[in-house]
Amino acid sequence: MSPRPMARSGRFNAGLVTAVGVVLLAVSVVTAITFGPADLGVGQVWSVLASRLHLAGDPGLTTLQVAMVWQLRLPRVLLAAACGASLSICGVIMQSLLRNALAEPYLLGISAGASTGAVLVTIVGVGGGAISMTMGAFFGAVL
């Protein structure tokens, strides 16, 4: 007699998980925009975003506050979210390629190559700033 397969204890609803994730991301973006030396509340940030996306009228804030949200804080927060998403995708790709749930950049020597490239740029003296060191680390990691 063959053993019966075990029934799944719970259903995984990918649509619900994705919707909750998107809502949590939006809440964290709006909340992260409020942090800074100038006091801005979540309501003020939301009114600026709604005004600029043509969902609402005038936010009733100064042009400096609107510029602070729209031109300074929002791009930084969105770039941080994009970097986090990129890093998570790279981790998933590495784990699936190696078929190892504990795979990390140290396993294949990617981190060692990046540090070697950055050190070589520093020792040789190529370039003149952080961009050349970043490129050296990138090419070292690729190699």
N, C-alpha and C. Protein backbone atom coordinates (compact mmCIF):
# COMPACT_ATOMS: atom_id res chain seq x y z
N MET A 1 0.82 -1.18 0.00
CA MET A 1 0.00 0.00 0.00
C MET A 1 0.87 1.25 0.00
N SER A 2 0.56 2.16 -0.89
CA SER A 2 1.33 3.41 -0.92
C SER A 2 0.73 4.41 0.07
N PRO A 3 1.59 5.20 0.67
CA PRO A 3 1.07 6.17 1.64
C PRO A 3 0.28 7.27 0.94
N ARG A 4 -0.75 7.74 1.62
CA ARG A 4 -1.57 8.82 1.08
C ARG A 4 -0.81 10.13 1.15
N PRO A 5 -0.90 10.93 0.11
CA PRO A 5 -0.24 12.24 0.18
C PRO A 5 -0.95 13.10 1.22
N MET A 6 -0.15 13.89 1.90
CA MET A 6 -0.71 14.77 2.93
C MET A 6 -1.44 15.92 2.28
N ALA A 7 -2.57 16.26 2.83
CA ALA A 7 -3.35 17.39 2.32
C ALA A 7 -2.70 18.70 2.78
N ARG A 8 -2.83 19.71 1.95
CA ARG A 8 -2.30 21.02 2.33
C ARG A 8 -3.15 21.59 3.45
N SER A 9 -2.48 22.11 4.43
CA SER A 9 -3.20 22.63 5.59
C SER A 9 -3.86 23.97 5.30
N GLY A 10 -3.31 24.74 4.41
CA GLY A 10 -3.89 26.05 4.11
C GLY A 10 -3.72 26.38 2.64
N ARG A 11 -4.54 27.26 2.17
CA ARG A 11 -4.46 27.70 0.78
C ARG A 11 -3.58 28.91 0.69
N PHE A 12 -2.77 28.95 -0.35
CA PHE A 12 -1.92 30.10 -0.61
C PHE A 12 -2.58 30.92 -1.70
N ASN A 13 -3.01 32.09 -1.35
CA ASN A 13 -3.68 32.97 -2.30
C ASN A 13 -2.69 34.05 -2.73
N ALA A 14 -2.09 33.87 -3.90
CA ALA A 14 -1.05 34.79 -4.36
C ALA A 14 -1.61 36.18 -4.61
N GLY A 15 -2.84 36.28 -5.09
CA GLY A 15 -3.43 37.59 -5.34
C GLY A 15 -3.62 38.39 -4.06
N LEU A 16 -4.04 37.74 -3.01
CA LEU A 16 -4.23 38.42 -1.73
C LEU A 16 -2.89 38.86 -1.15
N VAL A 17 -1.90 38.01 -1.23
CA VAL A 17 -0.57 38.36 -0.72
C VAL A 17 0.01 39.53 -1.51
N THR A 18 -0.16 39.53 -2.82
CA THR A 18 0.33 40.63 -3.65
C THR A 18 -0.39 41.93 -3.32
N ALA A 19 -1.69 41.88 -3.15
CA ALA A 19 -2.46 43.09 -2.82
C ALA A 19 -2.04 43.65 -1.47
N VAL A 20 -1.87 42.79 -0.49
CA VAL A 20 -1.43 43.24 0.84
C VAL A 20 -0.02 43.83 0.74
N GLY A 21 0.85 43.22 -0.04
CA GLY A 21 2.20 43.73 -0.22
C GLY A 21 2.23 45.10 -0.87
N VAL A 22 1.40 45.30 -1.88
CA VAL A 22 1.34 46.60 -2.55
C VAL A 22 0.82 47.68 -1.61
N VAL A 23 -0.20 47.35 -0.82
CA VAL A 23 -0.74 48.32 0.14
C VAL A 23 0.30 48.66 1.19
N LEU A 24 0.99 47.66 1.70
CA LEU A 24 2.03 47.91 2.70
C LEU A 24 3.18 48.74 2.12
N LEU A 25 3.54 48.50 0.86
CA LEU A 25 4.57 49.30 0.21
C LEU A 25 4.14 50.75 0.09
N ALA A 26 2.89 50.99 -0.32
CA ALA A 26 2.40 52.36 -0.45
C ALA A 26 2.38 53.07 0.90
N VAL A 27 1.95 52.37 1.93
CA VAL A 27 1.93 52.98 3.27
C VAL A 27 3.34 53.28 3.75
N SER A 28 4.27 52.38 3.51
CA SER A 28 5.65 52.61 3.95
C SER A 28 6.30 53.74 3.16
N VAL A 29 5.98 53.88 1.87
CA VAL A 29 6.53 54.99 1.08
C VAL A 29 6.02 56.32 1.60
N VAL A 30 4.72 56.42 1.84
CA VAL A 30 4.16 57.69 2.34
C VAL A 30 4.71 57.99 3.73
N THR A 31 4.87 56.98 4.56
CA THR A 31 5.41 57.20 5.90
C THR A 31 6.88 57.59 5.85
N ALA A 32 7.65 56.97 4.96
CA ALA A 32 9.08 57.28 4.85
C ALA A 32 9.30 58.70 4.36
N ILE A 33 8.40 59.21 3.55
CA ILE A 33 8.54 60.58 3.06
C ILE A 33 8.41 61.58 4.19
N THR A 34 7.71 61.24 5.25
CA THR A 34 7.52 62.18 6.36
C THR A 34 8.78 62.37 7.19
N PHE A 35 9.71 61.42 7.15
CA PHE A 35 10.92 61.53 7.97
C PHE A 35 11.88 62.53 7.36
N GLY A 36 12.41 63.42 8.19
CA GLY A 36 13.36 64.41 7.75
C GLY A 36 13.42 65.56 8.74
N PRO A 37 14.29 66.52 8.49
CA PRO A 37 14.43 67.63 9.42
C PRO A 37 13.21 68.55 9.47
N ALA A 38 12.46 68.62 8.38
CA ALA A 38 11.26 69.45 8.37
C ALA A 38 10.06 68.59 8.75
N ASP A 39 9.20 69.16 9.57
CA ASP A 39 8.02 68.42 10.02
C ASP A 39 6.96 68.37 8.94
N LEU A 40 6.70 67.17 8.46
CA LEU A 40 5.62 66.93 7.52
C LEU A 40 4.84 65.72 8.01
N GLY A 41 3.54 65.85 8.04
CA GLY A 41 2.71 64.73 8.47
C GLY A 41 2.29 63.87 7.29
N VAL A 42 1.73 62.72 7.61
CA VAL A 42 1.27 61.80 6.58
C VAL A 42 0.17 62.46 5.76
N GLY A 43 -0.71 63.21 6.41
CA GLY A 43 -1.79 63.90 5.69
C GLY A 43 -1.26 64.93 4.72
N GLN A 44 -0.23 65.66 5.13
CA GLN A 44 0.37 66.66 4.23
C GLN A 44 1.03 65.99 3.03
N VAL A 45 1.75 64.91 3.29
CA VAL A 45 2.41 64.19 2.19
C VAL A 45 1.37 63.64 1.24
N TRP A 46 0.30 63.06 1.79
CA TRP A 46 -0.74 62.50 0.94
C TRP A 46 -1.42 63.59 0.12
N SER A 47 -1.63 64.77 0.70
CA SER A 47 -2.27 65.85 -0.06
C SER A 47 -1.37 66.34 -1.19
N VAL A 48 -0.06 66.38 -0.95
CA VAL A 48 0.87 66.78 -2.02
C VAL A 48 0.85 65.74 -3.14
N LEU A 49 0.93 64.46 -2.78
CA LEU A 49 0.92 63.41 -3.81
C LEU A 49 -0.39 63.40 -4.58
N ALA A 50 -1.51 63.56 -3.89
CA ALA A 50 -2.81 63.57 -4.56
C ALA A 50 -2.94 64.78 -5.47
N SER A 51 -2.40 65.91 -5.04
CA SER A 51 -2.47 67.13 -5.86
C SER A 51 -1.62 66.98 -7.12
N ARG A 52 -0.41 66.45 -6.97
CA ARG A 52 0.48 66.32 -8.13
C ARG A 52 0.03 65.23 -9.10
N LEU A 53 -0.71 64.25 -8.61
CA LEU A 53 -1.23 63.19 -9.48
C LEU A 53 -2.64 63.52 -9.98
N HIS A 54 -3.08 64.75 -9.76
CA HIS A 54 -4.38 65.26 -10.21
C HIS A 54 -5.55 64.46 -9.65
N LEU A 55 -5.40 64.00 -8.41
CA LEU A 55 -6.49 63.32 -7.73
C LEU A 55 -7.23 64.25 -6.78
N ALA A 56 -6.61 65.38 -6.48
CA ALA A 56 -7.22 66.35 -5.57
C ALA A 56 -6.77 67.74 -5.99
N GLY A 57 -7.31 68.73 -5.33
CA GLY A 57 -6.98 70.12 -5.65
C GLY A 57 -5.71 70.58 -4.95
N ASP A 58 -5.65 71.86 -4.67
CA ASP A 58 -4.49 72.49 -4.05
C ASP A 58 -4.27 71.92 -2.65
N PRO A 59 -3.01 71.50 -2.31
CA PRO A 59 -2.78 70.91 -1.00
C PRO A 59 -2.78 71.93 0.14
N GLY A 60 -2.68 73.21 -0.17
CA GLY A 60 -2.68 74.23 0.87
C GLY A 60 -1.36 74.34 1.60
N LEU A 61 -0.26 73.92 0.99
CA LEU A 61 1.06 74.00 1.59
C LEU A 61 1.91 74.98 0.82
N THR A 62 3.03 75.37 1.39
CA THR A 62 3.93 76.28 0.70
C THR A 62 4.61 75.56 -0.46
N THR A 63 5.14 76.34 -1.39
CA THR A 63 5.83 75.73 -2.52
C THR A 63 7.09 75.00 -2.07
N LEU A 64 7.70 75.45 -0.99
CA LEU A 64 8.88 74.76 -0.46
C LEU A 64 8.51 73.38 0.07
N GLN A 65 7.39 73.27 0.76
CA GLN A 65 6.96 71.97 1.27
C GLN A 65 6.58 71.03 0.14
N VAL A 66 5.91 71.55 -0.88
CA VAL A 66 5.54 70.72 -2.03
C VAL A 66 6.80 70.24 -2.75
N ALA A 67 7.77 71.13 -2.95
CA ALA A 67 9.02 70.75 -3.62
C ALA A 67 9.80 69.76 -2.77
N MET A 68 9.75 69.92 -1.45
CA MET A 68 10.46 69.00 -0.58
C MET A 68 9.92 67.58 -0.72
N VAL A 69 8.61 67.46 -0.82
CA VAL A 69 8.01 66.13 -0.95
C VAL A 69 8.23 65.60 -2.36
N TRP A 70 7.89 66.39 -3.37
CA TRP A 70 7.84 65.90 -4.74
C TRP A 70 9.22 65.76 -5.39
N GLN A 71 10.14 66.70 -5.08
CA GLN A 71 11.42 66.71 -5.77
C GLN A 71 12.58 66.17 -4.94
N LEU A 72 12.41 66.09 -3.63
CA LEU A 72 13.53 65.66 -2.80
C LEU A 72 13.28 64.29 -2.16
N ARG A 73 12.21 64.18 -1.41
CA ARG A 73 12.01 62.96 -0.64
C ARG A 73 11.40 61.82 -1.45
N LEU A 74 10.44 62.10 -2.30
CA LEU A 74 9.79 61.04 -3.07
C LEU A 74 10.76 60.30 -3.99
N PRO A 75 11.63 60.99 -4.76
CA PRO A 75 12.57 60.22 -5.59
C PRO A 75 13.50 59.34 -4.78
N ARG A 76 13.94 59.82 -3.62
CA ARG A 76 14.83 59.00 -2.78
C ARG A 76 14.13 57.75 -2.27
N VAL A 77 12.90 57.91 -1.82
CA VAL A 77 12.17 56.77 -1.28
C VAL A 77 11.85 55.77 -2.39
N LEU A 78 11.45 56.25 -3.57
CA LEU A 78 11.16 55.34 -4.68
C LEU A 78 12.41 54.62 -5.15
N LEU A 79 13.55 55.31 -5.15
CA LEU A 79 14.81 54.66 -5.52
C LEU A 79 15.20 53.61 -4.50
N ALA A 80 14.99 53.88 -3.23
CA ALA A 80 15.27 52.88 -2.19
C ALA A 80 14.38 51.66 -2.36
N ALA A 81 13.11 51.88 -2.69
CA ALA A 81 12.19 50.75 -2.91
C ALA A 81 12.62 49.94 -4.13
N ALA A 82 13.04 50.62 -5.19
CA ALA A 82 13.50 49.91 -6.39
C ALA A 82 14.77 49.12 -6.12
N CYS A 83 15.69 49.69 -5.34
CA CYS A 83 16.92 48.96 -4.99
C CYS A 83 16.61 47.73 -4.15
N GLY A 84 15.71 47.87 -3.19
CA GLY A 84 15.33 46.72 -2.38
C GLY A 84 14.67 45.63 -3.21
N ALA A 85 13.82 46.03 -4.15
CA ALA A 85 13.18 45.04 -5.02
C ALA A 85 14.21 44.35 -5.91
N SER A 86 15.17 45.10 -6.41
CA SER A 86 16.23 44.52 -7.25
C SER A 86 17.08 43.53 -6.47
N LEU A 87 17.43 43.89 -5.25
CA LEU A 87 18.23 42.98 -4.43
C LEU A 87 17.47 41.70 -4.10
N SER A 88 16.18 41.83 -3.85
CA SER A 88 15.40 40.62 -3.56
C SER A 88 15.27 39.73 -4.79
N ILE A 89 15.12 40.32 -5.96
CA ILE A 89 15.05 39.54 -7.19
C ILE A 89 16.38 38.83 -7.45
N CYS A 90 17.49 39.53 -7.22
CA CYS A 90 18.80 38.89 -7.39
C CYS A 90 18.98 37.73 -6.43
N GLY A 91 18.52 37.89 -5.20
CA GLY A 91 18.60 36.80 -4.23
C GLY A 91 17.78 35.60 -4.64
N VAL A 92 16.58 35.85 -5.15
CA VAL A 92 15.72 34.74 -5.59
C VAL A 92 16.34 34.03 -6.79
N ILE A 93 16.90 34.79 -7.70
CA ILE A 93 17.54 34.18 -8.87
C ILE A 93 18.72 33.31 -8.44
N MET A 94 19.55 33.83 -7.53
CA MET A 94 20.71 33.06 -7.07
C MET A 94 20.26 31.80 -6.35
N GLN A 95 19.24 31.90 -5.52
CA GLN A 95 18.77 30.72 -4.80
C GLN A 95 18.15 29.70 -5.73
N SER A 96 17.46 30.15 -6.76
CA SER A 96 16.85 29.18 -7.68
C SER A 96 17.90 28.56 -8.61
N LEU A 97 18.89 29.32 -9.03
CA LEU A 97 19.94 28.75 -9.89
C LEU A 97 20.77 27.71 -9.15
N LEU A 98 21.08 27.99 -7.89
CA LEU A 98 21.91 27.08 -7.12
C LEU A 98 21.10 26.01 -6.41
N ARG A 99 19.78 26.15 -6.44
CA ARG A 99 18.88 25.22 -5.74
C ARG A 99 19.29 25.09 -4.27
N ASN A 100 19.56 26.23 -3.69
CA ASN A 100 19.98 26.29 -2.29
C ASN A 100 19.30 27.49 -1.65
N ALA A 101 18.48 27.24 -0.65
CA ALA A 101 17.75 28.33 0.00
C ALA A 101 18.67 29.24 0.81
N LEU A 102 19.89 28.81 1.08
CA LEU A 102 20.82 29.61 1.85
C LEU A 102 21.90 30.26 0.98
N ALA A 103 21.69 30.32 -0.32
CA ALA A 103 22.69 30.89 -1.22
C ALA A 103 22.85 32.37 -0.94
N GLU A 104 24.08 32.83 -1.04
CA GLU A 104 24.41 34.24 -0.80
C GLU A 104 25.57 34.63 -1.69
N PRO A 105 25.86 35.93 -1.81
CA PRO A 105 26.95 36.35 -2.70
C PRO A 105 28.32 35.82 -2.31
N TYR A 106 28.52 35.48 -1.04
CA TYR A 106 29.81 34.94 -0.62
C TYR A 106 30.04 33.53 -1.15
N LEU A 107 28.97 32.83 -1.47
CA LEU A 107 29.06 31.44 -1.91
C LEU A 107 29.80 31.30 -3.24
N LEU A 108 29.55 32.20 -4.15
CA LEU A 108 30.17 32.14 -5.48
C LEU A 108 31.37 33.07 -5.63
N GLY A 109 31.69 33.81 -4.59
CA GLY A 109 32.82 34.73 -4.66
C GLY A 109 32.48 36.07 -5.26
N ILE A 110 31.21 36.40 -5.34
CA ILE A 110 30.81 37.69 -5.92
C ILE A 110 31.27 38.83 -5.04
N SER A 111 31.12 38.69 -3.73
CA SER A 111 31.54 39.75 -2.81
C SER A 111 33.05 39.92 -2.81
N ALA A 112 33.77 38.82 -2.87
CA ALA A 112 35.24 38.90 -2.91
C ALA A 112 35.71 39.57 -4.19
N GLY A 113 35.06 39.26 -5.31
CA GLY A 113 35.42 39.91 -6.57
C GLY A 113 35.13 41.40 -6.55
N ALA A 114 34.02 41.78 -5.94
CA ALA A 114 33.68 43.20 -5.86
C ALA A 114 34.69 43.95 -5.01
N SER A 115 35.07 43.38 -3.88
CA SER A 115 36.05 44.06 -3.04
C SER A 115 37.42 44.10 -3.71
N THR A 116 37.78 43.05 -4.44
CA THR A 116 39.05 43.05 -5.17
C THR A 116 39.06 44.14 -6.24
N GLY A 117 37.96 44.29 -6.97
CA GLY A 117 37.88 45.35 -7.99
C GLY A 117 37.97 46.73 -7.39
N ALA A 118 37.33 46.95 -6.25
CA ALA A 118 37.40 48.25 -5.60
C ALA A 118 38.81 48.54 -5.09
N VAL A 119 39.47 47.53 -4.55
CA VAL A 119 40.84 47.72 -4.06
C VAL A 119 41.79 47.99 -5.21
N LEU A 120 41.61 47.29 -6.33
CA LEU A 120 42.48 47.54 -7.49
C LEU A 120 42.33 48.96 -8.02
N VAL A 121 41.10 49.47 -8.04
CA VAL A 121 40.89 50.85 -8.48
C VAL A 121 41.60 51.81 -7.52
N THR A 122 41.55 51.52 -6.23
CA THR A 122 42.20 52.38 -5.25
C THR A 122 43.71 52.32 -5.38
N ILE A 123 44.27 51.14 -5.56
CA ILE A 123 45.73 51.00 -5.64
C ILE A 123 46.27 51.58 -6.94
N VAL A 124 45.63 51.25 -8.05
CA VAL A 124 46.11 51.72 -9.35
C VAL A 124 45.87 53.22 -9.51
N GLY A 125 44.81 53.71 -8.91
CA GLY A 125 44.50 55.13 -8.97
C GLY A 125 43.77 55.52 -10.23
N VAL A 126 43.01 54.62 -10.80
CA VAL A 126 42.25 54.91 -12.00
C VAL A 126 41.01 55.69 -11.62
N GLY A 127 40.71 56.72 -12.38
CA GLY A 127 39.51 57.51 -12.11
C GLY A 127 39.75 58.49 -10.98
N GLY A 128 38.67 59.15 -10.60
CA GLY A 128 38.86 60.17 -9.60
C GLY A 128 37.75 60.27 -8.59
N GLY A 129 37.01 59.22 -8.37
CA GLY A 129 35.95 59.38 -7.39
C GLY A 129 35.21 58.10 -7.10
N ALA A 130 34.05 58.29 -6.52
CA ALA A 130 33.25 57.15 -6.08
C ALA A 130 32.71 56.35 -7.27
N ILE A 131 32.50 57.02 -8.40
CA ILE A 131 31.95 56.30 -9.56
C ILE A 131 32.96 55.29 -10.09
N SER A 132 34.23 55.67 -10.15
CA SER A 132 35.23 54.72 -10.64
C SER A 132 35.38 53.54 -9.68
N MET A 133 35.28 53.79 -8.37
CA MET A 133 35.35 52.68 -7.42
C MET A 133 34.12 51.78 -7.55
N THR A 134 32.97 52.38 -7.77
CA THR A 134 31.75 51.60 -7.98
C THR A 134 31.87 50.74 -9.22
N MET A 135 32.38 51.31 -10.28
CA MET A 135 32.54 50.53 -11.52
C MET A 135 33.59 49.43 -11.33
N GLY A 136 34.67 49.71 -10.61
CA GLY A 136 35.65 48.68 -10.33
C GLY A 136 35.07 47.52 -9.54
N ALA A 137 34.23 47.86 -8.54
CA ALA A 137 33.58 46.82 -7.76
C ALA A 137 32.60 46.03 -8.62
N PHE A 138 31.89 46.72 -9.51
CA PHE A 138 30.94 46.03 -10.38
C PHE A 138 31.65 45.05 -11.30
N PHE A 139 32.71 45.53 -11.97
CA PHE A 139 33.43 44.63 -12.89
C PHE A 139 34.15 43.50 -12.16
N GLY A 140 34.62 43.78 -10.95
CA GLY A 140 35.22 42.72 -10.14
C GLY A 140 34.20 41.65 -9.78
N ALA A 141 32.98 42.08 -9.46
CA ALA A 141 31.92 41.12 -9.12
C ALA A 141 31.52 40.31 -10.35
N VAL A 142 31.47 40.96 -11.50
CA VAL A 142 31.10 40.24 -12.73
C VAL A 142 32.17 39.21 -13.08
N LEU A 143 33.42 39.61 -12.95
CA LEU A 143 34.51 38.66 -13.26
C LEU A 143 34.56 37.54 -12.25
